[in-house]
N, C-alpha and C. Protein backbone atom coordinates (compact mmCIF):
# COMPACT_ATOMS: atom_id res chain seq x y z
N MET A 1 8.68 5.92 53.96
CA MET A 1 9.77 6.67 53.55
C MET A 1 9.08 7.93 52.50
N SER A 2 8.99 9.50 53.69
CA SER A 2 8.81 10.45 52.27
C SER A 2 9.92 11.66 52.31
N GLU A 3 9.33 11.67 51.37
CA GLU A 3 10.63 12.45 50.83
C GLU A 3 9.59 13.99 50.93
N THR A 4 10.30 15.19 51.19
CA THR A 4 9.34 16.48 51.02
C THR A 4 9.82 16.74 49.84
N ARG A 5 8.90 17.60 49.25
CA ARG A 5 8.59 17.81 47.43
C ARG A 5 9.73 19.24 48.00
N ARG A 6 10.60 19.63 47.02
CA ARG A 6 11.65 21.07 47.02
C ARG A 6 11.15 21.88 45.93
N LYS A 7 10.66 22.82 46.89
CA LYS A 7 9.43 24.03 45.65
C LYS A 7 11.10 24.97 44.70
N HIS A 8 11.00 25.12 43.73
CA HIS A 8 12.08 25.73 43.26
C HIS A 8 11.60 27.13 42.47
N THR A 9 11.83 28.22 43.14
CA THR A 9 11.45 29.33 42.16
C THR A 9 11.54 29.86 40.66
N LYS A 10 10.54 30.40 39.87
CA LYS A 10 11.08 30.34 38.70
C LYS A 10 12.12 30.99 37.86
N GLU A 11 12.52 31.73 38.71
CA GLU A 11 14.07 31.97 38.41
C GLU A 11 15.15 31.32 38.78
N PHE A 12 15.11 30.00 39.09
CA PHE A 12 16.12 28.84 39.03
C PHE A 12 15.64 28.43 38.21
N LYS A 13 14.61 28.25 37.84
CA LYS A 13 14.22 26.89 36.53
C LYS A 13 14.06 28.00 35.30
N LEU A 14 14.39 28.93 35.14
CA LEU A 14 14.70 29.92 33.79
C LEU A 14 16.67 29.52 34.02
N ASP A 15 16.64 29.44 34.87
CA ASP A 15 18.66 29.67 35.04
C ASP A 15 18.83 27.97 34.63
N ALA A 16 18.44 27.21 34.93
CA ALA A 16 18.52 25.65 34.35
C ALA A 16 18.13 25.87 32.89
N ILE A 17 16.83 26.41 32.21
CA ILE A 17 17.02 26.02 30.85
C ILE A 17 17.75 26.80 30.28
N ALA A 18 18.47 27.97 30.89
CA ALA A 18 19.38 28.86 30.29
C ALA A 18 20.70 28.06 30.14
N LEU A 19 21.02 27.22 31.18
CA LEU A 19 21.88 26.44 31.09
C LEU A 19 22.39 25.22 29.77
N VAL A 20 20.80 25.25 29.53
CA VAL A 20 20.77 24.11 28.44
C VAL A 20 20.93 24.76 26.88
N GLN A 21 20.15 25.85 26.97
CA GLN A 21 19.68 26.49 25.55
C GLN A 21 20.64 27.30 25.30
N GLU A 22 21.03 28.56 26.71
CA GLU A 22 22.06 29.26 26.56
C GLU A 22 23.97 28.99 26.37
N GLN A 23 23.77 28.41 27.37
CA GLN A 23 25.25 28.21 27.57
C GLN A 23 25.41 26.48 27.13
N GLY A 24 24.97 25.86 26.65
CA GLY A 24 25.34 24.51 25.94
C GLY A 24 25.46 22.97 26.64
N TYR A 25 24.97 23.89 27.76
CA TYR A 25 25.13 21.92 28.85
C TYR A 25 24.40 21.34 28.16
N SER A 26 24.27 19.72 28.38
CA SER A 26 23.45 19.12 28.01
C SER A 26 22.63 18.32 29.21
N VAL A 27 21.43 17.86 29.40
CA VAL A 27 20.48 18.06 29.90
C VAL A 27 20.72 17.44 31.29
N VAL A 28 21.34 16.72 31.03
CA VAL A 28 22.11 15.83 32.00
C VAL A 28 22.95 16.09 32.92
N ARG A 29 23.95 16.85 32.53
CA ARG A 29 25.40 17.44 32.90
C ARG A 29 24.50 18.85 34.03
N ALA A 30 23.67 19.66 32.83
CA ALA A 30 22.77 20.73 33.67
C ALA A 30 22.08 20.18 34.87
N ALA A 31 21.27 19.33 35.02
CA ALA A 31 20.71 18.40 35.76
C ALA A 31 21.69 18.05 37.23
N GLU A 32 22.16 17.16 36.60
CA GLU A 32 23.44 17.14 38.02
C GLU A 32 24.10 18.09 38.81
N SER A 33 24.44 19.18 38.14
CA SER A 33 25.05 20.26 38.69
C SER A 33 24.10 20.69 39.01
N LEU A 34 22.93 20.39 38.98
CA LEU A 34 21.93 21.66 39.99
C LEU A 34 21.46 20.56 41.52
N GLY A 35 21.62 19.67 41.08
CA GLY A 35 20.97 18.50 41.99
C GLY A 35 19.36 18.28 41.66
N ILE A 36 19.22 17.73 40.04
CA ILE A 36 17.42 17.66 40.29
C ILE A 36 17.96 16.82 39.08
N ASN A 37 16.36 16.48 38.99
CA ASN A 37 16.09 14.96 38.01
C ASN A 37 16.22 15.82 36.73
N GLU A 38 16.60 14.77 35.72
CA GLU A 38 17.09 15.57 34.38
C GLU A 38 15.57 15.51 34.06
N ASN A 39 14.46 14.63 34.64
CA ASN A 39 13.16 14.42 33.79
C ASN A 39 12.53 15.96 33.95
N MET A 40 12.40 16.12 35.03
CA MET A 40 12.07 17.29 35.54
C MET A 40 12.66 18.66 34.92
N LEU A 41 13.64 18.52 34.62
CA LEU A 41 14.40 19.91 33.51
C LEU A 41 14.09 19.53 32.56
N ARG A 42 14.18 18.69 31.74
CA ARG A 42 13.20 18.14 30.58
C ARG A 42 12.14 19.18 30.28
N ARG A 43 10.96 18.47 31.59
CA ARG A 43 9.74 19.01 31.80
C ARG A 43 9.81 20.45 31.79
N TRP A 44 10.67 21.22 32.23
CA TRP A 44 10.57 22.82 32.13
C TRP A 44 10.73 23.17 31.15
N ILE A 45 11.96 22.73 30.16
CA ILE A 45 11.99 23.30 29.05
C ILE A 45 11.06 23.03 27.94
N LYS A 46 10.34 22.07 28.31
CA LYS A 46 8.56 21.49 27.48
C LYS A 46 8.20 22.85 28.00
N GLN A 47 7.99 22.97 29.28
CA GLN A 47 6.63 24.06 29.04
C GLN A 47 7.25 25.65 29.42
N HIS A 48 8.60 25.75 28.82
CA HIS A 48 9.09 27.14 28.50
C HIS A 48 8.65 27.33 27.42
N ARG A 49 9.09 26.50 26.22
CA ARG A 49 8.90 26.06 25.26
C ARG A 49 7.38 26.41 24.79
N GLU A 50 6.76 26.10 25.42
CA GLU A 50 5.51 25.85 24.87
C GLU A 50 4.64 27.00 25.21
N GLN A 51 4.70 27.78 26.47
CA GLN A 51 4.08 28.46 27.13
C GLN A 51 4.89 30.21 27.15
N GLY A 52 5.97 29.76 26.87
CA GLY A 52 6.74 31.25 27.15
C GLY A 52 6.97 31.96 28.32
N GLY A 53 6.67 33.36 28.69
CA GLY A 53 6.59 33.97 29.55
C GLY A 53 5.29 33.62 30.58
N GLU A 54 4.41 32.78 30.00
CA GLU A 54 3.39 32.57 31.14
C GLU A 54 3.56 31.23 31.79
N SER A 55 4.78 30.43 31.63
CA SER A 55 5.21 29.43 32.34
C SER A 55 5.78 29.45 33.46
N PHE A 56 5.78 28.51 34.52
CA PHE A 56 6.09 29.01 35.94
C PHE A 56 5.49 30.42 36.70
N ARG A 57 4.10 30.13 36.62
CA ARG A 57 3.45 31.22 37.39
C ARG A 57 3.53 30.77 38.93
N GLY A 58 3.81 29.82 39.25
CA GLY A 58 3.44 28.83 40.79
C GLY A 58 2.12 29.20 41.54
N ASN A 59 1.91 28.74 42.22
CA ASN A 59 0.43 28.33 43.11
C ASN A 59 0.42 29.51 43.20
N GLY A 60 -1.33 30.09 42.71
CA GLY A 60 -1.97 31.39 43.21
C GLY A 60 -1.87 32.25 42.13
N ASN A 61 -1.11 32.31 41.63
CA ASN A 61 -0.83 33.28 40.06
C ASN A 61 -1.67 33.02 39.39
N VAL A 62 -1.86 34.15 38.55
CA VAL A 62 -2.82 33.49 37.28
C VAL A 62 -2.23 34.25 36.11
N SER A 63 -2.48 33.59 34.95
CA SER A 63 -1.79 34.72 33.82
C SER A 63 -2.99 35.93 33.66
N ALA A 64 -2.61 37.24 33.00
CA ALA A 64 -2.38 38.64 32.29
C ALA A 64 -3.86 38.63 32.34
N GLU A 65 -3.98 37.70 31.51
CA GLU A 65 -5.61 37.18 31.15
C GLU A 65 -6.38 36.89 32.43
N GLN A 66 -6.53 36.00 32.90
CA GLN A 66 -6.99 35.83 34.32
C GLN A 66 -7.32 36.88 35.62
N GLN A 67 -5.65 37.68 35.32
CA GLN A 67 -6.08 38.84 36.26
C GLN A 67 -6.59 39.72 35.58
N ARG A 68 -6.78 40.23 34.13
CA ARG A 68 -7.58 41.13 33.81
C ARG A 68 -9.19 40.81 34.29
N ILE A 69 -9.72 39.45 33.95
CA ILE A 69 -11.10 39.01 34.27
C ILE A 69 -11.37 39.20 35.07
N LEU A 70 -10.55 38.95 36.82
CA LEU A 70 -10.75 38.90 37.83
C LEU A 70 -10.67 40.40 38.57
N GLU A 71 -10.34 41.50 37.99
CA GLU A 71 -9.93 42.74 37.57
C GLU A 71 -11.50 43.13 37.63
N LEU A 72 -12.11 43.06 35.98
CA LEU A 72 -13.47 43.41 35.57
C LEU A 72 -14.57 42.93 36.89
N GLU A 73 -14.10 41.23 37.14
CA GLU A 73 -15.43 41.00 37.83
C GLU A 73 -15.61 41.65 39.01
N ARG A 74 -14.62 42.42 39.67
CA ARG A 74 -14.08 42.55 40.83
C ARG A 74 -15.01 44.49 40.74
N GLN A 75 -14.66 45.15 39.37
CA GLN A 75 -15.07 46.29 39.14
C GLN A 75 -16.91 46.10 38.88
N VAL A 76 -17.10 44.99 38.11
CA VAL A 76 -18.45 44.93 38.15
C VAL A 76 -19.71 44.58 39.86
N ARG A 77 -19.00 44.08 40.26
CA ARG A 77 -19.42 43.85 41.72
C ARG A 77 -19.24 45.36 42.43
N GLU A 78 -18.23 45.95 42.26
CA GLU A 78 -18.53 47.23 43.43
C GLU A 78 -19.55 47.89 42.58
N LEU A 79 -19.41 48.34 41.09
CA LEU A 79 -20.82 48.67 40.30
C LEU A 79 -21.96 48.85 40.63
N LYS A 80 -22.17 47.32 41.13
CA LYS A 80 -23.77 46.70 41.02
C LYS A 80 -24.21 47.23 42.50
N MET A 81 -23.14 47.46 43.71
CA MET A 81 -23.18 47.79 44.92
C MET A 81 -23.79 49.25 44.80
N GLU A 82 -22.50 50.15 44.00
CA GLU A 82 -23.39 51.06 43.72
C GLU A 82 -24.26 51.76 43.44
N LYS A 83 -24.54 51.39 42.28
CA LYS A 83 -26.03 51.18 41.76
C LYS A 83 -27.08 51.31 42.85
N GLU A 84 -27.36 50.08 43.99
CA GLU A 84 -28.30 49.52 44.49
C GLU A 84 -28.13 50.98 45.64
N ILE A 85 -27.09 51.30 45.78
CA ILE A 85 -27.04 52.58 46.96
C ILE A 85 -27.67 53.97 46.51
N LEU A 86 -27.68 54.03 45.37
CA LEU A 86 -28.05 54.82 44.50
C LEU A 86 -29.37 54.98 44.70
N LYS A 87 -29.55 53.55 43.91
CA LYS A 87 -30.98 53.41 43.88
C LYS A 87 -32.25 53.39 45.47
N LYS A 88 -31.48 52.91 46.56
CA LYS A 88 -31.76 53.56 47.94
C LYS A 88 -31.78 55.13 48.03
N ALA A 89 -31.21 56.16 47.40
CA ALA A 89 -30.78 57.17 48.00
C ALA A 89 -31.92 58.15 47.21
N ALA A 90 -31.72 57.90 45.90
CA ALA A 90 -33.06 58.24 45.27
C ALA A 90 -34.67 58.02 45.45
N ALA A 91 -34.87 56.90 45.97
CA ALA A 91 -36.05 56.67 46.44
C ALA A 91 -36.57 56.90 47.92
N PHE A 92 -35.00 57.65 48.70
CA PHE A 92 -35.08 58.04 50.01
C PHE A 92 -35.28 59.89 49.69
N PHE A 93 -34.64 60.39 48.72
CA PHE A 93 -34.77 61.53 48.43
C PHE A 93 -36.56 62.14 47.32
N ALA A 94 -36.71 60.96 47.12
CA ALA A 94 -38.15 60.99 46.56
C ALA A 94 -39.25 61.32 47.58
N LYS A 95 -39.44 60.50 48.65
CA LYS A 95 -40.45 60.40 49.76
C LYS A 95 -39.93 61.61 50.08
N GLU A 96 -38.73 62.49 50.45
CA GLU A 96 -39.04 63.66 50.77
C GLU A 96 -38.97 64.91 50.40
N VAL A 97 -39.22 64.72 49.17
CA VAL A 97 -39.77 66.14 47.95
C VAL A 97 -41.19 66.42 48.32
N LYS A 98 -41.89 64.89 48.74
CA LYS A 98 -43.56 64.67 48.55
C LYS A 98 -44.24 65.37 49.81
C-alpha cells in the first residue's frame, strides 16, 4: 500500500508557519486544520528558523550565492570561447598580412 507523497508550495509552508508563530495556533491544531502531520509542521518551523529566507527553495532551486556561482561559471565559459575565437582570428589575419 503506497501513498503518493504530497508536495507543498513554499507559500503553503510559510502560511502554516504563520498560523503558529503569528496567529497563536498550537502546532497540533494548525497541523490538524491543514491536514498535515504535526511533525512535518515542526520540521518546517525549525527549518524556517534556521535558514530564514533560504528555506523551502524546492527542487532545482538554488540559493542566491549558488546562483551567482553558476552565473560566473557561465561567464567564464563564454569568455574562454571568445578568447579562442579571437586567437584564431588573429592567426588568420597574421597569415593574410605576410
